[in-house]
């Protein structure tokens, strides 16, 4: 997964927001880990985003066999 965070959008995007330069590209081999890192880079708590929070909690699908603490950012 790759996140293009070079220029983001602040406000009511995508049509009524304001461009915000972030200069960031995030990539990884697991989509949940990439979303977690992107969320963290923006200063948000992943526990407030249901899709990410539930990805780590799902017992039925075993989508992530790792915790956010095990993600290495280089």
PDB file of N, CA and C in Angstrom:
ATOM      1  N   UNK A   1       0.842  -1.180   0.000  1.00  0.00           N
ATOM      2  CA  UNK A   1       0.000   0.000   0.000  1.00  0.00           C
ATOM      3  C   UNK A   1       0.882   1.236   0.000  1.00  0.00           C
ATOM      4  N   UNK A   2       0.424   2.238  -0.729  1.00  0.00           N
ATOM      5  CA  UNK A   2       1.151   3.511  -0.801  1.00  0.00           C
ATOM      6  C   UNK A   2       0.172   4.655  -0.562  1.00  0.00           C
ATOM      7  N   UNK A   3       0.563   5.587   0.290  1.00  0.00           N
ATOM      8  CA  UNK A   3      -0.222   6.794   0.541  1.00  0.00           C
ATOM      9  C   UNK A   3       0.544   7.973  -0.038  1.00  0.00           C
ATOM     10  N   UNK A   4      -0.074   8.687  -0.959  1.00  0.00           N
ATOM     11  CA  UNK A   4       0.510   9.908  -1.518  1.00  0.00           C
ATOM     12  C   UNK A   4       0.067  11.063  -0.638  1.00  0.00           C
ATOM     13  N   UNK A   5       0.954  11.491   0.242  1.00  0.00           N
ATOM     14  CA  UNK A   5       0.645  12.590   1.138  1.00  0.00           C
ATOM     15  C   UNK A   5       1.470  13.822   0.828  1.00  0.00           C
ATOM     16  N   UNK A   6       1.806  14.001  -0.441  1.00  0.00           N
ATOM     17  CA  UNK A   6       2.615  15.164  -0.821  1.00  0.00           C
ATOM     18  C   UNK A   6       1.804  16.442  -0.612  1.00  0.00           C
ATOM     19  N   UNK A   7       0.596  16.462  -1.166  1.00  0.00           N
ATOM     20  CA  UNK A   7      -0.316  17.584  -0.930  1.00  0.00           C
ATOM     21  C   UNK A   7      -1.638  16.981  -0.471  1.00  0.00           C
ATOM     22  N   UNK A   8      -2.074  17.353   0.711  1.00  0.00           N
ATOM     23  CA  UNK A   8      -3.331  16.863   1.245  1.00  0.00           C
ATOM     24  C   UNK A   8      -4.415  17.908   1.135  1.00  0.00           C
ATOM     25  N   UNK A   9      -5.503  17.673   1.828  1.00  0.00           N
ATOM     26  CA  UNK A   9      -6.634  18.593   1.792  1.00  0.00           C
ATOM     27  C   UNK A   9      -7.078  18.832   3.224  1.00  0.00           C
ATOM     28  N   UNK A  10      -7.278  20.069   3.557  1.00  0.00           N
ATOM     29  CA  UNK A  10      -7.754  20.439   4.874  1.00  0.00           C
ATOM     30  C   UNK A  10      -9.134  21.052   4.728  1.00  0.00           C
ATOM     31  N   UNK A  11     -10.041  20.701   5.618  1.00  0.00           N
ATOM     32  CA  UNK A  11     -11.395  21.244   5.553  1.00  0.00           C
ATOM     33  C   UNK A  11     -12.344  20.276   4.874  1.00  0.00           C
ATOM     34  N   UNK A  12     -13.350  20.796   4.216  1.00  0.00           N
ATOM     35  CA  UNK A  12     -14.401  19.995   3.593  1.00  0.00           C
ATOM     36  C   UNK A  12     -13.998  19.552   2.192  1.00  0.00           C
ATOM     37  N   UNK A  13     -12.997  18.681   2.095  1.00  0.00           N
ATOM     38  CA  UNK A  13     -12.550  18.172   0.798  1.00  0.00           C
ATOM     39  C   UNK A  13     -13.488  17.104   0.284  1.00  0.00           C
ATOM     40  N   UNK A  14     -13.353  16.688  -0.931  1.00  0.00           N
ATOM     41  CA  UNK A  14     -12.287  17.087  -1.843  1.00  0.00           C
ATOM     42  C   UNK A  14     -12.604  18.328  -2.676  1.00  0.00           C
ATOM     43  N   UNK A  15     -13.830  18.805  -2.676  1.00  0.00           N
ATOM     44  CA  UNK A  15     -14.178  19.925  -3.550  1.00  0.00           C
ATOM     45  C   UNK A  15     -14.091  21.286  -2.864  1.00  0.00           C
ATOM     46  N   UNK A  16     -14.200  21.333  -1.549  1.00  0.00           N
ATOM     47  CA  UNK A  16     -14.286  22.622  -0.878  1.00  0.00           C
ATOM     48  C   UNK A  16     -13.254  22.753   0.239  1.00  0.00           C
ATOM     49  N   UNK A  17     -12.108  22.108   0.049  1.00  0.00           N
ATOM     50  CA  UNK A  17     -11.076  22.197   1.063  1.00  0.00           C
ATOM     51  C   UNK A  17      -9.942  23.098   0.614  1.00  0.00           C
ATOM     52  N   UNK A  18      -8.915  23.116   1.411  1.00  0.00           N
ATOM     53  CA  UNK A  18      -7.740  23.927   1.119  1.00  0.00           C
ATOM     54  C   UNK A  18      -6.523  23.020   1.010  1.00  0.00           C
ATOM     55  N   UNK A  19      -5.737  23.152  -0.051  1.00  0.00           N
ATOM     56  CA  UNK A  19      -4.538  22.328  -0.182  1.00  0.00           C
ATOM     57  C   UNK A  19      -3.574  22.568   0.979  1.00  0.00           C
ATOM     58  N   UNK A  20      -2.978  21.482   1.457  1.00  0.00           N
ATOM     59  CA  UNK A  20      -2.008  21.581   2.534  1.00  0.00           C
ATOM     60  C   UNK A  20      -0.792  20.729   2.155  1.00  0.00           C
ATOM     61  N   UNK A  21       0.357  21.379   2.079  1.00  0.00           N
ATOM     62  CA  UNK A  21       1.583  20.668   1.730  1.00  0.00           C
ATOM     63  C   UNK A  21       2.040  19.842   2.920  1.00  0.00           C
ATOM     64  N   UNK A  22       2.194  18.532   2.708  1.00  0.00           N
ATOM     65  CA  UNK A  22       2.676  17.647   3.761  1.00  0.00           C
ATOM     66  C   UNK A  22       4.021  17.022   3.384  1.00  0.00           C
ATOM     67  N   UNK A  23       4.266  16.857   2.087  1.00  0.00           N
ATOM     68  CA  UNK A  23       5.543  16.329   1.627  1.00  0.00           C
ATOM     69  C   UNK A  23       5.844  14.928   2.135  1.00  0.00           C
ATOM     70  N   UNK A  24       4.820  14.077   2.188  1.00  0.00           N
ATOM     71  CA  UNK A  24       4.993  12.751   2.761  1.00  0.00           C
ATOM     72  C   UNK A  24       4.501  11.669   1.816  1.00  0.00           C
ATOM     73  N   UNK A  25       5.274  10.595   1.716  1.00  0.00           N
ATOM     74  CA  UNK A  25       4.833   9.375   1.048  1.00  0.00           C
ATOM     75  C   UNK A  25       5.036   8.247   2.051  1.00  0.00           C
ATOM     76  N   UNK A  26       3.988   7.452   2.255  1.00  0.00           N
ATOM     77  CA  UNK A  26       4.041   6.342   3.198  1.00  0.00           C
ATOM     78  C   UNK A  26       3.748   5.065   2.424  1.00  0.00           C
ATOM     79  N   UNK A  27       4.552   4.046   2.651  1.00  0.00           N
ATOM     80  CA  UNK A  27       4.338   2.765   1.984  1.00  0.00           C
ATOM     81  C   UNK A  27       4.633   1.616   2.917  1.00  0.00           C
ATOM     82  N   UNK A  28       4.022   0.497   2.644  1.00  0.00           N
ATOM     83  CA  UNK A  28       4.261  -0.688   3.454  1.00  0.00           C
ATOM     84  C   UNK A  28       3.609  -1.907   2.849  1.00  0.00           C
ATOM     85  N   UNK A  29       3.839  -3.042   3.476  1.00  0.00           N
ATOM     86  CA  UNK A  29       3.336  -4.305   2.945  1.00  0.00           C
ATOM     87  C   UNK A  29       1.979  -4.713   3.510  1.00  0.00           C
ATOM     88  N   UNK A  30       1.489  -4.033   4.525  1.00  0.00           N
ATOM     89  CA  UNK A  30       0.182  -4.366   5.106  1.00  0.00           C
ATOM     90  C   UNK A  30      -0.673  -3.100   5.162  1.00  0.00           C
ATOM     91  N   UNK A  31      -1.863  -3.119   4.547  1.00  0.00           N
ATOM     92  CA  UNK A  31      -2.681  -1.897   4.479  1.00  0.00           C
ATOM     93  C   UNK A  31      -3.073  -1.326   5.834  1.00  0.00           C
ATOM     94  N   UNK A  32      -3.306  -2.172   6.814  1.00  0.00           N
ATOM     95  CA  UNK A  32      -3.677  -1.662   8.140  1.00  0.00           C
ATOM     96  C   UNK A  32      -2.504  -0.945   8.795  1.00  0.00           C
ATOM     97  N   UNK A  33      -1.307  -1.484   8.633  1.00  0.00           N
ATOM     98  CA  UNK A  33      -0.113  -0.836   9.179  1.00  0.00           C
ATOM     99  C   UNK A  33       0.126   0.511   8.498  1.00  0.00           C
ATOM    100  N   UNK A  34      -0.076   0.567   7.190  1.00  0.00           N
ATOM    101  CA  UNK A  34       0.106   1.831   6.466  1.00  0.00           C
ATOM    102  C   UNK A  34      -0.919   2.858   6.932  1.00  0.00           C
ATOM    103  N   UNK A  35      -2.163   2.452   7.095  1.00  0.00           N
ATOM    104  CA  UNK A  35      -3.188   3.380   7.595  1.00  0.00           C
ATOM    105  C   UNK A  35      -2.861   3.860   9.005  1.00  0.00           C
ATOM    106  N   UNK A  36      -2.367   2.964   9.845  1.00  0.00           N
ATOM    107  CA  UNK A  36      -1.984   3.353  11.205  1.00  0.00           C
ATOM    108  C   UNK A  36      -0.873   4.403  11.176  1.00  0.00           C
ATOM    109  N   UNK A  37       0.163   4.171  10.372  1.00  0.00           N
ATOM    110  CA  UNK A  37       1.282   5.116  10.294  1.00  0.00           C
ATOM    111  C   UNK A  37       0.812   6.460   9.745  1.00  0.00           C
ATOM    112  N   UNK A  38      -0.031   6.445   8.711  1.00  0.00           N
ATOM    113  CA  UNK A  38      -0.549   7.696   8.141  1.00  0.00           C
ATOM    114  C   UNK A  38      -1.376   8.453   9.170  1.00  0.00           C
ATOM    115  N   UNK A  39      -2.209   7.739   9.901  1.00  0.00           N
ATOM    116  CA  UNK A  39      -3.029   8.358  10.942  1.00  0.00           C
ATOM    117  C   UNK A  39      -2.149   8.981  12.013  1.00  0.00           C
ATOM    118  N   UNK A  40      -1.132   8.253  12.425  1.00  0.00           N
ATOM    119  CA  UNK A  40      -0.205   8.740  13.438  1.00  0.00           C
ATOM    120  C   UNK A  40       0.570   9.963  12.931  1.00  0.00           C
ATOM    121  N   UNK A  41       0.977   9.941  11.676  1.00  0.00           N
ATOM    122  CA  UNK A  41       1.728  11.067  11.093  1.00  0.00           C
ATOM    123  C   UNK A  41       0.886  12.341  11.060  1.00  0.00           C
ATOM    124  N   UNK A  42      -0.432  12.183  10.919  1.00  0.00           N
ATOM    125  CA  UNK A  42      -1.326  13.348  10.905  1.00  0.00           C
ATOM    126  C   UNK A  42      -1.689  13.812  12.304  1.00  0.00           C
ATOM    127  N   UNK A  43      -1.253  13.062  13.320  1.00  0.00           N
ATOM    128  CA  UNK A  43      -1.522  13.464  14.696  1.00  0.00           C
ATOM    129  C   UNK A  43      -2.830  12.961  15.264  1.00  0.00           C
ATOM    130  N   UNK A  44      -3.447  11.980  14.603  1.00  0.00           N
ATOM    131  CA  UNK A  44      -4.708  11.424  15.092  1.00  0.00           C
ATOM    132  C   UNK A  44      -4.465  10.152  15.880  1.00  0.00           C
ATOM    133  N   UNK A  45      -5.373   9.841  16.781  1.00  0.00           N
ATOM    134  CA  UNK A  45      -5.348   8.597  17.535  1.00  0.00           C
ATOM    135  C   UNK A  45      -6.136   7.560  16.736  1.00  0.00           C
ATOM    136  N   UNK A  46      -5.487   6.460  16.368  1.00  0.00           N
ATOM    137  CA  UNK A  46      -6.151   5.440  15.553  1.00  0.00           C
ATOM    138  C   UNK A  46      -7.372   4.844  16.251  1.00  0.00           C
ATOM    139  N   UNK A  47      -7.429   4.925  17.568  1.00  0.00           N
ATOM    140  CA  UNK A  47      -8.578   4.390  18.291  1.00  0.00           C
ATOM    141  C   UNK A  47      -9.853   5.185  18.020  1.00  0.00           C
ATOM    142  N   UNK A  48      -9.726   6.394  17.492  1.00  0.00           N
ATOM    143  CA  UNK A  48     -10.892   7.214  17.145  1.00  0.00           C
ATOM    144  C   UNK A  48     -11.360   6.986  15.716  1.00  0.00           C
ATOM    145  N   UNK A  49     -10.706   6.084  14.987  1.00  0.00           N
ATOM    146  CA  UNK A  49     -11.078   5.791  13.601  1.00  0.00           C
ATOM    147  C   UNK A  49     -11.528   4.333  13.554  1.00  0.00           C
ATOM    148  N   UNK A  50     -12.845   4.103  13.445  1.00  0.00           N
ATOM    149  CA  UNK A  50     -13.380   2.742  13.565  1.00  0.00           C
ATOM    150  C   UNK A  50     -12.749   1.716  12.618  1.00  0.00           C
ATOM    151  N   UNK A  51     -12.493   2.090  11.366  1.00  0.00           N
ATOM    152  CA  UNK A  51     -11.946   1.117  10.425  1.00  0.00           C
ATOM    153  C   UNK A  51     -10.585   0.595  10.867  1.00  0.00           C
ATOM    154  N   UNK A  52      -9.757   1.460  11.428  1.00  0.00           N
ATOM    155  CA  UNK A  52      -8.431   1.040  11.870  1.00  0.00           C
ATOM    156  C   UNK A  52      -8.537   0.322  13.219  1.00  0.00           C
ATOM    157  N   UNK A  53      -9.258   0.906  14.147  1.00  0.00           N
ATOM    158  CA  UNK A  53      -9.432   0.290  15.472  1.00  0.00           C
ATOM    159  C   UNK A  53      -9.992  -1.126  15.341  1.00  0.00           C
ATOM    160  N   UNK A  54     -11.033  -1.291  14.534  1.00  0.00           N
ATOM    161  CA  UNK A  54     -11.666  -2.602  14.386  1.00  0.00           C
ATOM    162  C   UNK A  54     -10.789  -3.589  13.622  1.00  0.00           C
ATOM    163  N   UNK A  55      -9.898  -3.091  12.782  1.00  0.00           N
ATOM    164  CA  UNK A  55      -8.975  -3.974  12.081  1.00  0.00           C
ATOM    165  C   UNK A  55      -8.068  -4.718  13.035  1.00  0.00           C
ATOM    166  N   UNK A  56      -7.714  -4.087  14.131  1.00  0.00           N
ATOM    167  CA  UNK A  56      -6.877  -4.737  15.136  1.00  0.00           C
ATOM    168  C   UNK A  56      -7.685  -5.590  16.104  1.00  0.00           C
ATOM    169  N   UNK A  57      -8.975  -5.311  16.246  1.00  0.00           N
ATOM    170  CA  UNK A  57      -9.804  -6.032  17.214  1.00  0.00           C
ATOM    171  C   UNK A  57     -10.465  -7.283  16.638  1.00  0.00           C
ATOM    172  N   UNK A  58     -10.553  -7.386  15.319  1.00  0.00           N
ATOM    173  CA  UNK A  58     -11.307  -8.477  14.703  1.00  0.00           C
ATOM    174  C   UNK A  58     -10.736  -9.843  15.062  1.00  0.00           C
ATOM    175  N   UNK A  59     -11.516 -10.642  15.739  1.00  0.00           N
ATOM    176  CA  UNK A  59     -11.130 -12.001  16.106  1.00  0.00           C
ATOM    177  C   UNK A  59     -11.498 -12.992  15.000  1.00  0.00           C
ATOM    178  N   UNK A  60     -12.544 -12.681  14.235  1.00  0.00           N
ATOM    179  CA  UNK A  60     -13.065 -13.619  13.246  1.00  0.00           C
ATOM    180  C   UNK A  60     -12.181 -13.742  12.010  1.00  0.00           C
ATOM    181  N   UNK A  61     -11.601 -12.639  11.574  1.00  0.00           N
ATOM    182  CA  UNK A  61     -10.867 -12.663  10.316  1.00  0.00           C
ATOM    183  C   UNK A  61      -9.355 -12.689  10.486  1.00  0.00           C
ATOM    184  N   UNK A  62      -8.857 -12.403  11.686  1.00  0.00           N
ATOM    185  CA  UNK A  62      -7.422 -12.378  11.958  1.00  0.00           C
ATOM    186  C   UNK A  62      -6.688 -11.559  10.890  1.00  0.00           C
ATOM    187  N   UNK A  63      -7.198 -10.362  10.636  1.00  0.00           N
ATOM    188  CA  UNK A  63      -6.638  -9.502   9.592  1.00  0.00           C
ATOM    189  C   UNK A  63      -5.231  -9.042   9.922  1.00  0.00           C
ATOM    190  N   UNK A  64      -4.976  -8.740  11.178  1.00  0.00           N
ATOM    191  CA  UNK A  64      -3.648  -8.270  11.590  1.00  0.00           C
ATOM    192  C   UNK A  64      -3.123  -9.177  12.693  1.00  0.00           C
ATOM    193  N   UNK A  65      -2.003  -9.811  12.424  1.00  0.00           N
ATOM    194  CA  UNK A  65      -1.400 -10.661  13.447  1.00  0.00           C
ATOM    195  C   UNK A  65      -0.261  -9.919  14.145  1.00  0.00           C
ATOM    196  N   UNK A  66      -0.434  -8.600  14.267  1.00  0.00           N
ATOM    197  CA  UNK A  66       0.545  -7.738  14.920  1.00  0.00           C
ATOM    198  C   UNK A  66      -0.202  -6.595  15.590  1.00  0.00           C
ATOM    199  N   UNK A  67       0.445  -5.955  16.540  1.00  0.00           N
ATOM    200  CA  UNK A  67      -0.149  -4.789  17.196  1.00  0.00           C
ATOM    201  C   UNK A  67       0.517  -3.525  16.656  1.00  0.00           C
ATOM    202  N   UNK A  68      -0.099  -2.375  16.852  1.00  0.00           N
ATOM    203  CA  UNK A  68       0.525  -1.128  16.395  1.00  0.00           C
ATOM    204  C   UNK A  68       1.928  -0.913  16.991  1.00  0.00           C
ATOM    205  N   UNK A  69       2.168  -1.432  18.186  1.00  0.00           N
ATOM    206  CA  UNK A  69       3.483  -1.279  18.810  1.00  0.00           C
ATOM    207  C   UNK A  69       4.588  -2.036  18.082  1.00  0.00           C
ATOM    208  N   UNK A  70       4.204  -2.991  17.244  1.00  0.00           N
ATOM    209  CA  UNK A  70       5.184  -3.789  16.525  1.00  0.00           C
ATOM    210  C   UNK A  70       5.541  -3.226  15.153  1.00  0.00           C
ATOM    211  N   UNK A  71       4.946  -2.116  14.767  1.00  0.00           N
ATOM    212  CA  UNK A  71       5.210  -1.511  13.459  1.00  0.00           C
ATOM    213  C   UNK A  71       6.513  -0.719  13.536  1.00  0.00           C
ATOM    214  N   UNK A  72       7.380  -0.949  12.573  1.00  0.00           N
ATOM    215  CA  UNK A  72       8.648  -0.249  12.500  1.00  0.00           C
ATOM    216  C   UNK A  72       8.566   0.802  11.401  1.00  0.00           C
ATOM    217  N   UNK A  73       8.846   2.032  11.739  1.00  0.00           N
ATOM    218  CA  UNK A  73       8.861   3.126  10.762  1.00  0.00           C
ATOM    219  C   UNK A  73      10.315   3.475  10.476  1.00  0.00           C
ATOM    220  N   UNK A  74      10.678   3.464   9.200  1.00  0.00           N
ATOM    221  CA  UNK A  74      12.049   3.824   8.799  1.00  0.00           C
ATOM    222  C   UNK A  74      12.028   4.984   7.830  1.00  0.00           C
TER     223      UNK A  74
END
